[in-house]
Amino acid sequence: MKITVLGAGAWGTALAIQAAARHEVRLWARDAEQAAAMSAERLNRRYLPGSALPPALHVTPDRAAALAGTDLIVVGTPMAGLRECLQACAGSTPLLWLCKGFEAGSGLLGHEIARELGRARAGVLSGPSFAQEVARGQPTALVAAAEDPSVAEAAVQAFHGERLRIYTSADPVGVEVGGAVKNVMAIAGGVADGLRERAEIEQAWSEAPGLNARAALLTRGLAEMTRLGLALGARAETFLGLSGLGDLVLTATGELSRNRRVGVLLAQGLSLAQALAQLGHVAEGVYSARTVLERGQKLGLELPITATVVALLEGRLSPSQALNLLMTRDPRAEL
């Protein structure tokens, strides 16, 4: 196949590296200087240091040239760049995006943006995955979801192999909701971990959460994710799969998770601005938390963990106050 990846961040580069083992791959970098450096050094020094670019991977700042004659388009930009890329990719070539979250301003998920723009042969590639591990060829499983089954099958043809397994789904709504909401839950999980680390240093066990609390938080986070997804038309079983439970567990507990890291840094006493500056990369949960809450409110849903994370990010609650607020809610039936 001829595959075009738009966006030379960590995740786009990682998938391009994997695909280039068997296909002709063109990786578009918006920054011409970055493209030149990657081509010369055969390395994405800024976003994915340590993973060499294979010979079959061509890096270019010319998007039109990258798209010419391609069999599959993969959009690897942050959510903020998805609409512009969809507009630039007119036609019927199968297209998949990697970003997870809601569009700022409109509050739309990726499939809703594609529908608004009349882009029918489009879908999402998601699941529990850190870019560094995919680039190294460590075992990973993803799910390609689209209403048009030929789009998901194109993802299988492009990426499925011994070290990267691609499952297909006809539920892009559920896959996208899982990918968006798990980032918010990962911030909450990071706060719990950060408070626990502080307690271990200070030996103040009763003043901070333990692993029990984190397990409860993630379980209730999965319930919250499912509640929103069902209200938007998703299938319940999707949230027990790779893009739901799988991605939630990885992002909320993995040391490489940017969203979890934001929560840890907030628990250590940093402001949100300081945490993001130290992170140095996009953490989608910070930008999508407010939109997740607003969409839930419009549907008449109660999303207590999301609401607490929003209050924390907006400075209305401290990390300790946020946890206490969740633990002191009125009792109720689990299901």
C-alpha atoms as a PDB file:
ATOM      1  CA  MET A   1       0.000   0.000   0.000  1.00  0.00           C
ATOM      2  CA  LYS A   2       0.845   3.665  -0.270  1.00  0.00           C
ATOM      3  CA  ILE A   3       0.105   5.196   3.127  1.00  0.00           C
ATOM      4  CA  THR A   4       0.119   8.872   4.098  1.00  0.00           C
ATOM      5  CA  VAL A   5       0.421   9.929   7.744  1.00  0.00           C
ATOM      6  CA  LEU A   6      -0.426  13.572   8.398  1.00  0.00           C
ATOM      7  CA  GLY A   7       1.323  14.799  11.535  1.00  0.00           C
ATOM      8  CA  ALA A   8       4.859  13.987  12.658  1.00  0.00           C
ATOM      9  CA  GLY A   9       4.213  13.870  16.385  1.00  0.00           C
ATOM     10  CA  ALA A  10       5.073  10.830  18.485  1.00  0.00           C
ATOM     11  CA  TRP A  11       2.034   8.729  17.606  1.00  0.00           C
ATOM     12  CA  GLY A  12       1.958   9.534  13.898  1.00  0.00           C
ATOM     13  CA  THR A  13       5.668   8.818  13.613  1.00  0.00           C
ATOM     14  CA  ALA A  14       5.374   5.548  15.536  1.00  0.00           C
ATOM     15  CA  LEU A  15       2.664   4.189  13.240  1.00  0.00           C
ATOM     16  CA  ALA A  16       4.564   5.387  10.185  1.00  0.00           C
ATOM     17  CA  ILE A  17       7.641   3.466  11.382  1.00  0.00           C
ATOM     18  CA  GLN A  18       5.615   0.277  11.809  1.00  0.00           C
ATOM     19  CA  ALA A  19       3.844   0.577   8.454  1.00  0.00           C
ATOM     20  CA  ALA A  20       7.095   1.321   6.608  1.00  0.00           C
ATOM     21  CA  ALA A  21       8.308  -2.202   7.328  1.00  0.00           C
ATOM     22  CA  ARG A  22       5.899  -3.461   4.640  1.00  0.00           C
ATOM     23  CA  HIS A  23       4.526  -0.447   2.765  1.00  0.00           C
ATOM     24  CA  GLU A  24       5.538   2.804   1.099  1.00  0.00           C
ATOM     25  CA  VAL A  25       4.866   5.495   3.721  1.00  0.00           C
ATOM     26  CA  ARG A  26       4.919   9.275   3.452  1.00  0.00           C
ATOM     27  CA  LEU A  27       4.956  11.239   6.709  1.00  0.00           C
ATOM     28  CA  TRP A  28       3.870  14.877   6.487  1.00  0.00           C
ATOM     29  CA  ALA A  29       5.432  17.321   8.954  1.00  0.00           C
ATOM     30  CA  ARG A  30       3.871  20.789   9.084  1.00  0.00           C
ATOM     31  CA  ASP A  31       7.204  22.356  10.064  1.00  0.00           C
ATOM     32  CA  ALA A  32       9.621  22.355   7.128  1.00  0.00           C
ATOM     33  CA  GLU A  33      12.643  22.545   9.442  1.00  0.00           C
ATOM     34  CA  GLN A  34      11.434  19.519  11.375  1.00  0.00           C
ATOM     35  CA  ALA A  35      10.893  17.593   8.136  1.00  0.00           C
ATOM     36  CA  ALA A  36      14.389  18.447   6.937  1.00  0.00           C
ATOM     37  CA  ALA A  37      15.959  17.427  10.252  1.00  0.00           C
ATOM     38  CA  MET A  38      14.060  14.132  10.337  1.00  0.00           C
ATOM     39  CA  SER A  39      15.058  13.330   6.769  1.00  0.00           C
ATOM     40  CA  ALA A  40      18.719  14.118   7.417  1.00  0.00           C
ATOM     41  CA  GLU A  41      19.033  12.451  10.824  1.00  0.00           C
ATOM     42  CA  ARG A  42      16.504   9.628  10.192  1.00  0.00           C
ATOM     43  CA  LEU A  43      15.105  10.383  13.642  1.00  0.00           C
ATOM     44  CA  ASN A  44      12.239  12.362  15.170  1.00  0.00           C
ATOM     45  CA  ARG A  45      14.463  13.889  17.804  1.00  0.00           C
ATOM     46  CA  ARG A  46      11.739  16.105  19.297  1.00  0.00           C
ATOM     47  CA  TYR A  47       8.870  13.658  19.735  1.00  0.00           C
ATOM     48  CA  LEU A  48      10.287  10.144  19.444  1.00  0.00           C
ATOM     49  CA  PRO A  49      14.018  10.070  20.184  1.00  0.00           C
ATOM     50  CA  GLY A  50      15.620   6.661  20.086  1.00  0.00           C
ATOM     51  CA  SER A  51      13.511   5.208  17.251  1.00  0.00           C
ATOM     52  CA  ALA A  52      15.203   5.279  13.845  1.00  0.00           C
ATOM     53  CA  LEU A  53      13.170   6.028  10.728  1.00  0.00           C
ATOM     54  CA  PRO A  54      13.318   3.135   8.225  1.00  0.00           C
ATOM     55  CA  PRO A  55      14.451   3.748   4.617  1.00  0.00           C
ATOM     56  CA  ALA A  56      10.915   3.234   3.242  1.00  0.00           C
ATOM     57  CA  LEU A  57       9.614   6.176   5.295  1.00  0.00           C
ATOM     58  CA  HIS A  58       9.711   9.485   3.403  1.00  0.00           C
ATOM     59  CA  VAL A  59       9.279  12.700   5.409  1.00  0.00           C
ATOM     60  CA  THR A  60       7.984  15.802   3.637  1.00  0.00           C
ATOM     61  CA  PRO A  61       6.530  19.242   4.452  1.00  0.00           C
ATOM     62  CA  ASP A  62       4.539  19.146   1.178  1.00  0.00           C
ATOM     63  CA  ARG A  63       1.076  17.866   2.088  1.00  0.00           C
ATOM     64  CA  ALA A  64      -0.183  17.732  -1.498  1.00  0.00           C
ATOM     65  CA  ALA A  65       2.762  15.576  -2.501  1.00  0.00           C
ATOM     66  CA  ALA A  66       2.252  13.347   0.515  1.00  0.00           C
ATOM     67  CA  LEU A  67      -1.391  12.782  -0.417  1.00  0.00           C
ATOM     68  CA  ALA A  68      -0.879  12.155  -4.127  1.00  0.00           C
ATOM     69  CA  GLY A  69      -1.911   8.643  -5.142  1.00  0.00           C
ATOM     70  CA  THR A  70      -2.247   7.383  -1.573  1.00  0.00           C
ATOM     71  CA  ASP A  71      -4.329   4.328  -0.619  1.00  0.00           C
ATOM     72  CA  LEU A  72      -4.883   5.278   3.028  1.00  0.00           C
ATOM     73  CA  ILE A  73      -4.718   8.563   4.960  1.00  0.00           C
ATOM     74  CA  VAL A  74      -3.939   8.549   8.674  1.00  0.00           C
ATOM     75  CA  VAL A  75      -4.406  11.850  10.530  1.00  0.00           C
ATOM     76  CA  GLY A  76      -1.965  12.004  13.437  1.00  0.00           C
ATOM     77  CA  THR A  77      -2.534  15.613  14.513  1.00  0.00           C
ATOM     78  CA  PRO A  78      -4.004  16.711  17.858  1.00  0.00           C
ATOM     79  CA  MET A  79      -7.798  17.102  17.923  1.00  0.00           C
ATOM     80  CA  ALA A  80      -7.435  20.816  17.153  1.00  0.00           C
ATOM     81  CA  GLY A  81      -6.031  19.991  13.717  1.00  0.00           C
ATOM     82  CA  LEU A  82      -8.491  17.285  12.656  1.00  0.00           C
ATOM     83  CA  ARG A  83     -11.074  19.489  10.943  1.00  0.00           C
ATOM     84  CA  GLU A  84      -8.490  21.288   8.811  1.00  0.00           C
ATOM     85  CA  CYS A  85      -6.940  17.989   7.748  1.00  0.00           C
ATOM     86  CA  LEU A  86     -10.323  16.528   6.836  1.00  0.00           C
ATOM     87  CA  GLN A  87     -11.057  19.593   4.717  1.00  0.00           C
ATOM     88  CA  ALA A  88      -7.710  19.195   2.961  1.00  0.00           C
ATOM     89  CA  CYS A  89      -8.343  15.522   2.194  1.00  0.00           C
ATOM     90  CA  ALA A  90     -11.361  15.705  -0.092  1.00  0.00           C
ATOM     91  CA  GLY A  91     -12.241  12.529  -1.942  1.00  0.00           C
ATOM     92  CA  SER A  92     -13.082   8.923  -1.157  1.00  0.00           C
ATOM     93  CA  THR A  93      -9.692   7.611  -0.019  1.00  0.00           C
ATOM     94  CA  PRO A  94     -10.115   5.724   3.302  1.00  0.00           C
ATOM     95  CA  LEU A  95      -9.122   7.969   6.195  1.00  0.00           C
ATOM     96  CA  LEU A  96      -8.477   7.265   9.877  1.00  0.00           C
ATOM     97  CA  TRP A  97      -7.647   9.665  12.689  1.00  0.00           C
ATOM     98  CA  LEU A  98      -5.629   8.919  15.817  1.00  0.00           C
ATOM     99  CA  CYS A  99      -6.581  11.878  18.024  1.00  0.00           C
ATOM    100  CA  LYS A 100      -8.775  11.324  21.063  1.00  0.00           C
ATOM    101  CA  GLY A 101     -11.099  13.981  22.439  1.00  0.00           C
ATOM    102  CA  PHE A 102     -13.745  16.551  21.571  1.00  0.00           C
ATOM    103  CA  GLU A 103     -13.218  19.531  19.294  1.00  0.00           C
ATOM    104  CA  ALA A 104     -12.889  22.790  21.219  1.00  0.00           C
ATOM    105  CA  GLY A 105     -15.753  25.170  20.577  1.00  0.00           C
ATOM    106  CA  SER A 106     -18.089  22.779  18.759  1.00  0.00           C
ATOM    107  CA  GLY A 107     -17.775  19.957  21.294  1.00  0.00           C
ATOM    108  CA  LEU A 108     -17.884  17.413  18.455  1.00  0.00           C
ATOM    109  CA  LEU A 109     -16.204  14.029  18.274  1.00  0.00           C
ATOM    110  CA  GLY A 110     -14.194  13.119  15.196  1.00  0.00           C
ATOM    111  CA  HIS A 111     -16.942  11.132  13.488  1.00  0.00           C
ATOM    112  CA  GLU A 112     -19.330  14.063  13.988  1.00  0.00           C
ATOM    113  CA  ILE A 113     -16.852  16.454  12.342  1.00  0.00           C
ATOM    114  CA  ALA A 114     -16.422  14.033   9.429  1.00  0.00           C
ATOM    115  CA  ARG A 115     -20.187  13.726   9.017  1.00  0.00           C
ATOM    116  CA  GLU A 116     -20.561  17.507   9.099  1.00  0.00           C
ATOM    117  CA  LEU A 117     -17.973  17.799   6.319  1.00  0.00           C
ATOM    118  CA  GLY A 118     -19.527  14.998   4.262  1.00  0.00           C
ATOM    119  CA  ARG A 119     -16.506  12.687   4.685  1.00  0.00           C
ATOM    120  CA  ALA A 120     -18.125   9.234   4.498  1.00  0.00           C
ATOM    121  CA  ARG A 121     -15.183   6.818   4.230  1.00  0.00           C
ATOM    122  CA  ALA A 122     -13.601   7.743   7.544  1.00  0.00           C
ATOM    123  CA  GLY A 123     -13.061   6.251  10.975  1.00  0.00           C
ATOM    124  CA  VAL A 124     -10.895   6.148  14.070  1.00  0.00           C
ATOM    125  CA  LEU A 125      -7.884   4.042  15.087  1.00  0.00           C
ATOM    126  CA  SER A 126      -7.636   3.847  18.859  1.00  0.00           C
ATOM    127  CA  GLY A 127      -6.792   1.628  21.801  1.00  0.00           C
ATOM    128  CA  PRO A 128      -4.279   1.168  24.628  1.00  0.00           C
ATOM    129  CA  SER A 129      -0.992   2.288  23.121  1.00  0.00           C
ATOM    130  CA  PHE A 130       2.072   4.335  23.970  1.00  0.00           C
ATOM    131  CA  ALA A 131       3.898   5.629  20.908  1.00  0.00           C
ATOM    132  CA  GLN A 132       7.338   4.652  22.217  1.00  0.00           C
ATOM    133  CA  GLU A 133       6.361   0.986  22.532  1.00  0.00           C
ATOM    134  CA  VAL A 134       4.736   0.858  19.091  1.00  0.00           C
ATOM    135  CA  ALA A 135       7.819   2.421  17.498  1.00  0.00           C
ATOM    136  CA  ARG A 136      10.025  -0.201  19.175  1.00  0.00           C
ATOM    137  CA  GLY A 137       7.832  -3.010  17.887  1.00  0.00           C
ATOM    138  CA  GLN A 138       6.560  -4.062  21.317  1.00  0.00           C
ATOM    139  CA  PRO A 139       3.255  -6.026  21.215  1.00  0.00           C
ATOM    140  CA  THR A 140       0.193  -3.757  20.937  1.00  0.00           C
ATOM    141  CA  ALA A 141      -3.478  -4.194  20.018  1.00  0.00           C
ATOM    142  CA  LEU A 142      -5.651  -1.444  18.507  1.00  0.00           C
ATOM    143  CA  VAL A 143      -9.198  -1.153  17.192  1.00  0.00           C
ATOM    144  CA  ALA A 144     -10.203   0.453  13.896  1.00  0.00           C
ATOM    145  CA  ALA A 145     -13.816   1.663  13.987  1.00  0.00           C
ATOM    146  CA  ALA A 146     -15.886   2.987  11.093  1.00  0.00           C
ATOM    147  CA  GLU A 147     -19.420   2.793   9.787  1.00  0.00           C
ATOM    148  CA  ASP A 148     -17.988   1.744   6.408  1.00  0.00           C
ATOM    149  CA  PRO A 149     -16.329  -1.662   6.987  1.00  0.00           C
ATOM    150  CA  SER A 150     -13.876  -1.086   4.106  1.00  0.00           C
ATOM    151  CA  VAL A 151     -12.218   1.687   6.138  1.00  0.00           C
ATOM    152  CA  ALA A 152     -11.536  -0.602   9.095  1.00  0.00           C
ATOM    153  CA  GLU A 153     -10.295  -3.304   6.739  1.00  0.00           C
ATOM    154  CA  ALA A 154      -7.859  -0.817   5.192  1.00  0.00           C
ATOM    155  CA  ALA A 155      -6.391  -0.289   8.666  1.00  0.00           C
ATOM    156  CA  VAL A 156      -5.956  -4.045   9.044  1.00  0.00           C
ATOM    157  CA  GLN A 157      -4.185  -4.267   5.691  1.00  0.00           C
ATOM    158  CA  ALA A 158      -1.919  -1.343   6.585  1.00  0.00           C
ATOM    159  CA  PHE A 159      -0.917  -2.137  10.154  1.00  0.00           C
ATOM    160  CA  HIS A 160      -1.823  -5.682  11.236  1.00  0.00           C
ATOM    161  CA  GLY A 161       1.234  -7.847  11.824  1.00  0.00           C
ATOM    162  CA  GLU A 162       3.137  -9.944  14.323  1.00  0.00           C
ATOM    163  CA  ARG A 163       3.725  -7.091  16.787  1.00  0.00           C
ATOM    164  CA  LEU A 164       0.696  -4.903  16.092  1.00  0.00           C
ATOM    165  CA  ARG A 165      -2.773  -6.470  16.115  1.00  0.00           C
ATOM    166  CA  ILE A 166      -5.719  -4.565  14.606  1.00  0.00           C
ATOM    167  CA  TYR A 167      -9.291  -5.442  15.560  1.00  0.00           C
ATOM    168  CA  THR A 168     -12.265  -3.953  13.700  1.00  0.00           C
ATOM    169  CA  SER A 169     -15.438  -2.340  15.032  1.00  0.00           C
ATOM    170  CA  ALA A 170     -18.607  -0.858  13.586  1.00  0.00           C
ATOM    171  CA  ASP A 171     -19.033   1.431  16.616  1.00  0.00           C
ATOM    172  CA  PRO A 172     -16.969   4.603  16.047  1.00  0.00           C
ATOM    173  CA  VAL A 173     -19.131   6.452  18.595  1.00  0.00           C
ATOM    174  CA  GLY A 174     -18.166   4.111  21.436  1.00  0.00           C
ATOM    175  CA  VAL A 175     -14.521   3.946  20.403  1.00  0.00           C
ATOM    176  CA  GLU A 176     -14.273   7.744  20.308  1.00  0.00           C
ATOM    177  CA  VAL A 177     -16.091   8.299  23.600  1.00  0.00           C
ATOM    178  CA  GLY A 178     -13.768   5.806  25.270  1.00  0.00           C
ATOM    179  CA  GLY A 179     -10.706   7.510  23.824  1.00  0.00           C
ATOM    180  CA  ALA A 180     -11.888  10.949  24.942  1.00  0.00           C
ATOM    181  CA  VAL A 181     -13.159  10.194  28.434  1.00  0.00           C
ATOM    182  CA  LYS A 182     -10.283   7.937  29.490  1.00  0.00           C
ATOM    183  CA  ASN A 183      -7.951  10.951  29.273  1.00  0.00           C
ATOM    184  CA  VAL A 184     -10.071  12.776  31.848  1.00  0.00           C
ATOM    185  CA  MET A 185     -10.125   9.720  34.108  1.00  0.00           C
ATOM    186  CA  ALA A 186      -6.357   9.398  33.757  1.00  0.00           C
ATOM    187  CA  ILE A 187      -5.928  12.869  35.255  1.00  0.00           C
ATOM    188  CA  ALA A 188      -8.014  11.746  38.234  1.00  0.00           C
ATOM    189  CA  GLY A 189      -5.955   8.562  38.505  1.00  0.00           C
ATOM    190  CA  GLY A 190      -2.760  10.603  38.420  1.00  0.00           C
ATOM    191  CA  VAL A 191      -4.022  12.786  41.258  1.00  0.00           C
ATOM    192  CA  ALA A 192      -4.684   9.673  43.349  1.00  0.00           C
ATOM    193  CA  ASP A 193      -1.206   8.319  42.587  1.00  0.00           C
ATOM    194  CA  GLY A 194       0.435  11.654  43.310  1.00  0.00           C
ATOM    195  CA  LEU A 195      -1.304  11.990  46.665  1.00  0.00           C
ATOM    196  CA  ARG A 196      -0.298   8.418  47.533  1.00  0.00           C
ATOM    197  CA  GLU A 197       3.348   9.171  46.700  1.00  0.00           C
ATOM    198  CA  ARG A 198       3.239  12.198  48.991  1.00  0.00           C
ATOM    199  CA  ALA A 199       1.709  10.095  51.767  1.00  0.00           C
ATOM    200  CA  GLU A 200       4.477   7.504  51.440  1.00  0.00           C
ATOM    201  CA  ILE A 201       7.121  10.196  51.840  1.00  0.00           C
ATOM    202  CA  GLU A 202       5.362  11.790  54.814  1.00  0.00           C
ATOM    203  CA  GLN A 203       4.071   8.455  56.220  1.00  0.00           C
ATOM    204  CA  ALA A 204       0.621  10.017  56.501  1.00  0.00           C
ATOM    205  CA  TRP A 205      -1.335   6.990  55.298  1.00  0.00           C
ATOM    206  CA  SER A 206      -4.765   8.067  56.482  1.00  0.00           C
ATOM    207  CA  GLU A 207      -4.561  11.387  54.642  1.00  0.00           C
ATOM    208  CA  ALA A 208      -4.187  10.070  51.108  1.00  0.00           C
ATOM    209  CA  PRO A 209      -5.635   7.403  48.804  1.00  0.00           C
ATOM    210  CA  GLY A 210      -4.124   3.977  48.310  1.00  0.00           C
ATOM    211  CA  LEU A 211      -4.403   1.398  45.559  1.00  0.00           C
ATOM    212  CA  ASN A 212      -7.907   0.521  46.766  1.00  0.00           C
ATOM    213  CA  ALA A 213      -9.049   4.059  46.022  1.00  0.00           C
ATOM    214  CA  ARG A 214      -7.460   4.042  42.580  1.00  0.00           C
ATOM    215  CA  ALA A 215      -9.255   0.814  41.684  1.00  0.00           C
ATOM    216  CA  ALA A 216     -12.566   2.297  42.812  1.00  0.00           C
ATOM    217  CA  LEU A 217     -11.890   5.495  40.889  1.00  0.00           C
ATOM    218  CA  LEU A 218     -11.151   3.708  37.617  1.00  0.00           C
ATOM    219  CA  THR A 219     -14.114   1.360  37.961  1.00  0.00           C
ATOM    220  CA  ARG A 220     -16.492   4.245  38.511  1.00  0.00           C
ATOM    221  CA  GLY A 221     -14.737   6.099  35.703  1.00  0.00           C
ATOM    222  CA  LEU A 222     -15.565   3.240  33.350  1.00  0.00           C
ATOM    223  CA  ALA A 223     -19.205   3.456  34.444  1.00  0.00           C
ATOM    224  CA  GLU A 224     -19.188   7.204  33.758  1.00  0.00           C
ATOM    225  CA  MET A 225     -17.622   6.679  30.337  1.00  0.00           C
ATOM    226  CA  THR A 226     -20.228   4.052  29.461  1.00  0.00           C
ATOM    227  CA  ARG A 227     -23.086   6.263  30.650  1.00  0.00           C
ATOM    228  CA  LEU A 228     -22.060   9.055  28.293  1.00  0.00           C
ATOM    229  CA  GLY A 229     -21.388   6.686  25.427  1.00  0.00           C
ATOM    230  CA  LEU A 230     -24.790   5.001  25.620  1.00  0.00           C
ATOM    231  CA  ALA A 231     -26.497   8.388  25.664  1.00  0.00           C
ATOM    232  CA  LEU A 232     -24.644   9.288  22.446  1.00  0.00           C
ATOM    233  CA  GLY A 233     -25.646   6.062  20.715  1.00  0.00           C
ATOM    234  CA  ALA A 234     -22.684   3.770  21.420  1.00  0.00           C
ATOM    235  CA  ARG A 235     -22.826   0.053  22.131  1.00  0.00           C
ATOM    236  CA  ALA A 236     -22.298  -1.034  25.743  1.00  0.00           C
ATOM    237  CA  GLU A 237     -19.889  -3.860  24.850  1.00  0.00           C
ATOM    238  CA  THR A 238     -17.456  -1.405  23.233  1.00  0.00           C
ATOM    239  CA  PHE A 239     -16.530  -0.058  26.651  1.00  0.00           C
ATOM    240  CA  LEU A 240     -15.327  -3.475  27.793  1.00  0.00           C
ATOM    241  CA  GLY A 241     -12.941  -3.590  24.821  1.00  0.00           C
ATOM    242  CA  LEU A 242      -9.631  -2.067  23.801  1.00  0.00           C
ATOM    243  CA  SER A 243     -10.796   1.534  23.455  1.00  0.00           C
ATOM    244  CA  GLY A 244     -12.758   1.460  26.720  1.00  0.00           C
ATOM    245  CA  LEU A 245     -11.415  -0.618  29.580  1.00  0.00           C
ATOM    246  CA  GLY A 246      -8.097  -1.297  27.845  1.00  0.00           C
ATOM    247  CA  ASP A 247      -7.215   2.316  27.125  1.00  0.00           C
ATOM    248  CA  LEU A 248      -8.517   3.466  30.514  1.00  0.00           C
ATOM    249  CA  VAL A 249      -6.272   1.059  32.428  1.00  0.00           C
ATOM    250  CA  LEU A 250      -3.191   1.936  30.387  1.00  0.00           C
ATOM    251  CA  THR A 251      -3.650   5.701  30.420  1.00  0.00           C
ATOM    252  CA  ALA A 252      -4.591   5.936  34.089  1.00  0.00           C
ATOM    253  CA  THR A 253      -1.797   3.695  35.395  1.00  0.00           C
ATOM    254  CA  GLY A 254       1.038   3.761  32.843  1.00  0.00           C
ATOM    255  CA  GLU A 255       4.175   5.723  33.625  1.00  0.00           C
ATOM    256  CA  LEU A 256       4.311   7.051  30.042  1.00  0.00           C
ATOM    257  CA  SER A 257       0.815   8.574  30.190  1.00  0.00           C
ATOM    258  CA  ARG A 258       0.828  12.351  29.719  1.00  0.00           C
ATOM    259  CA  ASN A 259      -2.652  12.789  31.202  1.00  0.00           C
ATOM    260  CA  ARG A 260      -1.791  10.734  34.269  1.00  0.00           C
ATOM    261  CA  ARG A 261       1.402  12.785  34.629  1.00  0.00           C
ATOM    262  CA  VAL A 262      -0.629  16.011  34.747  1.00  0.00           C
ATOM    263  CA  GLY A 263      -2.614  14.615  37.673  1.00  0.00           C
ATOM    264  CA  VAL A 264       0.546  13.522  39.486  1.00  0.00           C
ATOM    265  CA  LEU A 265       2.124  16.970  39.082  1.00  0.00           C
ATOM    266  CA  LEU A 266      -1.030  18.709  40.341  1.00  0.00           C
ATOM    267  CA  ALA A 267      -0.995  16.451  43.409  1.00  0.00           C
ATOM    268  CA  GLN A 268       2.617  17.477  44.000  1.00  0.00           C
ATOM    269  CA  GLY A 269       1.500  21.083  44.298  1.00  0.00           C
ATOM    270  CA  LEU A 270       2.233  22.450  40.817  1.00  0.00           C
ATOM    271  CA  SER A 271      -0.236  24.746  39.110  1.00  0.00           C
ATOM    272  CA  LEU A 272      -1.814  23.590  35.867  1.00  0.00           C
ATOM    273  CA  ALA A 273       0.380  25.982  33.872  1.00  0.00           C
ATOM    274  CA  GLN A 274       3.502  24.648  35.597  1.00  0.00           C
ATOM    275  CA  ALA A 275       2.426  21.040  35.034  1.00  0.00           C
ATOM    276  CA  LEU A 276       1.831  21.591  31.316  1.00  0.00           C
ATOM    277  CA  ALA A 277       5.124  23.445  30.929  1.00  0.00           C
ATOM    278  CA  GLN A 278       6.992  20.556  32.564  1.00  0.00           C
ATOM    279  CA  LEU A 279       5.127  18.031  30.434  1.00  0.00           C
ATOM    280  CA  GLY A 280       6.123  19.687  27.158  1.00  0.00           C
ATOM    281  CA  HIS A 281       3.510  17.768  25.142  1.00  0.00           C
ATOM    282  CA  VAL A 282      -0.252  17.921  24.545  1.00  0.00           C
ATOM    283  CA  ALA A 283      -2.399  16.240  27.218  1.00  0.00           C
ATOM    284  CA  GLU A 284      -5.810  16.005  25.550  1.00  0.00           C
ATOM    285  CA  GLY A 285      -7.679  15.395  28.814  1.00  0.00           C
ATOM    286  CA  VAL A 286      -6.913  18.925  29.992  1.00  0.00           C
ATOM    287  CA  TYR A 287      -8.675  20.393  26.973  1.00  0.00           C
ATOM    288  CA  SER A 288     -11.537  17.899  26.658  1.00  0.00           C
ATOM    289  CA  ALA A 289     -12.646  17.634  30.313  1.00  0.00           C
ATOM    290  CA  ARG A 290     -14.897  20.710  30.143  1.00  0.00           C
ATOM    291  CA  THR A 291     -16.448  19.519  26.855  1.00  0.00           C
ATOM    292  CA  VAL A 292     -17.099  16.018  28.240  1.00  0.00           C
ATOM    293  CA  LEU A 293     -18.911  17.597  31.170  1.00  0.00           C
ATOM    294  CA  GLU A 294     -20.946  19.966  28.993  1.00  0.00           C
ATOM    295  CA  ARG A 295     -22.065  17.207  26.636  1.00  0.00           C
ATOM    296  CA  GLY A 296     -23.105  15.101  29.594  1.00  0.00           C
ATOM    297  CA  GLN A 297     -25.041  17.973  31.136  1.00  0.00           C
ATOM    298  CA  LYS A 298     -26.919  18.592  27.869  1.00  0.00           C
ATOM    299  CA  LEU A 299     -27.989  14.950  27.964  1.00  0.00           C
ATOM    300  CA  GLY A 300     -29.086  15.198  31.606  1.00  0.00           C
ATOM    301  CA  LEU A 301     -26.293  12.895  32.827  1.00  0.00           C
ATOM    302  CA  GLU A 302     -24.454  12.925  36.132  1.00  0.00           C
ATOM    303  CA  LEU A 303     -20.679  12.739  35.596  1.00  0.00           C
ATOM    304  CA  PRO A 304     -19.203  13.303  39.073  1.00  0.00           C
ATOM    305  CA  ILE A 305     -15.581  12.357  38.333  1.00  0.00           C
ATOM    306  CA  THR A 306     -15.471  14.532  35.227  1.00  0.00           C
ATOM    307  CA  ALA A 307     -17.051  17.432  37.114  1.00  0.00           C
ATOM    308  CA  THR A 308     -14.462  17.088  39.872  1.00  0.00           C
ATOM    309  CA  VAL A 309     -11.573  17.009  37.389  1.00  0.00           C
ATOM    310  CA  VAL A 310     -12.921  20.161  35.718  1.00  0.00           C
ATOM    311  CA  ALA A 311     -13.109  21.936  39.091  1.00  0.00           C
ATOM    312  CA  LEU A 312      -9.547  20.825  39.843  1.00  0.00           C
ATOM    313  CA  LEU A 313      -8.207  22.038  36.486  1.00  0.00           C
ATOM    314  CA  GLU A 314      -9.990  25.362  36.894  1.00  0.00           C
ATOM    315  CA  GLY A 315      -8.470  25.856  40.353  1.00  0.00           C
ATOM    316  CA  ARG A 316     -11.745  25.600  42.285  1.00  0.00           C
ATOM    317  CA  LEU A 317     -10.606  22.491  44.177  1.00  0.00           C
ATOM    318  CA  SER A 318      -7.260  21.298  45.498  1.00  0.00           C
ATOM    319  CA  PRO A 319      -6.237  17.686  44.776  1.00  0.00           C
ATOM    320  CA  SER A 320      -7.107  16.622  48.342  1.00  0.00           C
ATOM    321  CA  GLN A 321     -10.448  18.403  48.195  1.00  0.00           C
ATOM    322  CA  ALA A 322     -11.232  16.746  44.866  1.00  0.00           C
ATOM    323  CA  LEU A 323     -10.649  13.277  46.262  1.00  0.00           C
ATOM    324  CA  ASN A 324     -12.605  13.979  49.433  1.00  0.00           C
ATOM    325  CA  LEU A 325     -15.521  15.291  47.390  1.00  0.00           C
ATOM    326  CA  LEU A 326     -15.751  12.034  45.455  1.00  0.00           C
ATOM    327  CA  MET A 327     -15.399   9.811  48.530  1.00  0.00           C
ATOM    328  CA  THR A 328     -18.080  11.647  50.534  1.00  0.00           C
ATOM    329  CA  ARG A 329     -20.847  11.472  47.924  1.00  0.00           C
ATOM    330  CA  ASP A 330     -24.179  10.044  49.067  1.00  0.00           C
ATOM    331  CA  PRO A 331     -24.480   6.236  48.911  1.00  0.00           C
ATOM    332  CA  ARG A 332     -26.335   4.702  45.991  1.00  0.00           C
ATOM    333  CA  ALA A 333     -26.768   1.455  44.058  1.00  0.00           C
ATOM    334  CA  GLU A 334     -23.742   0.496  41.968  1.00  0.00           C
ATOM    335  CA  LEU A 335     -25.675  -0.213  38.756  1.00  0.00           C
END
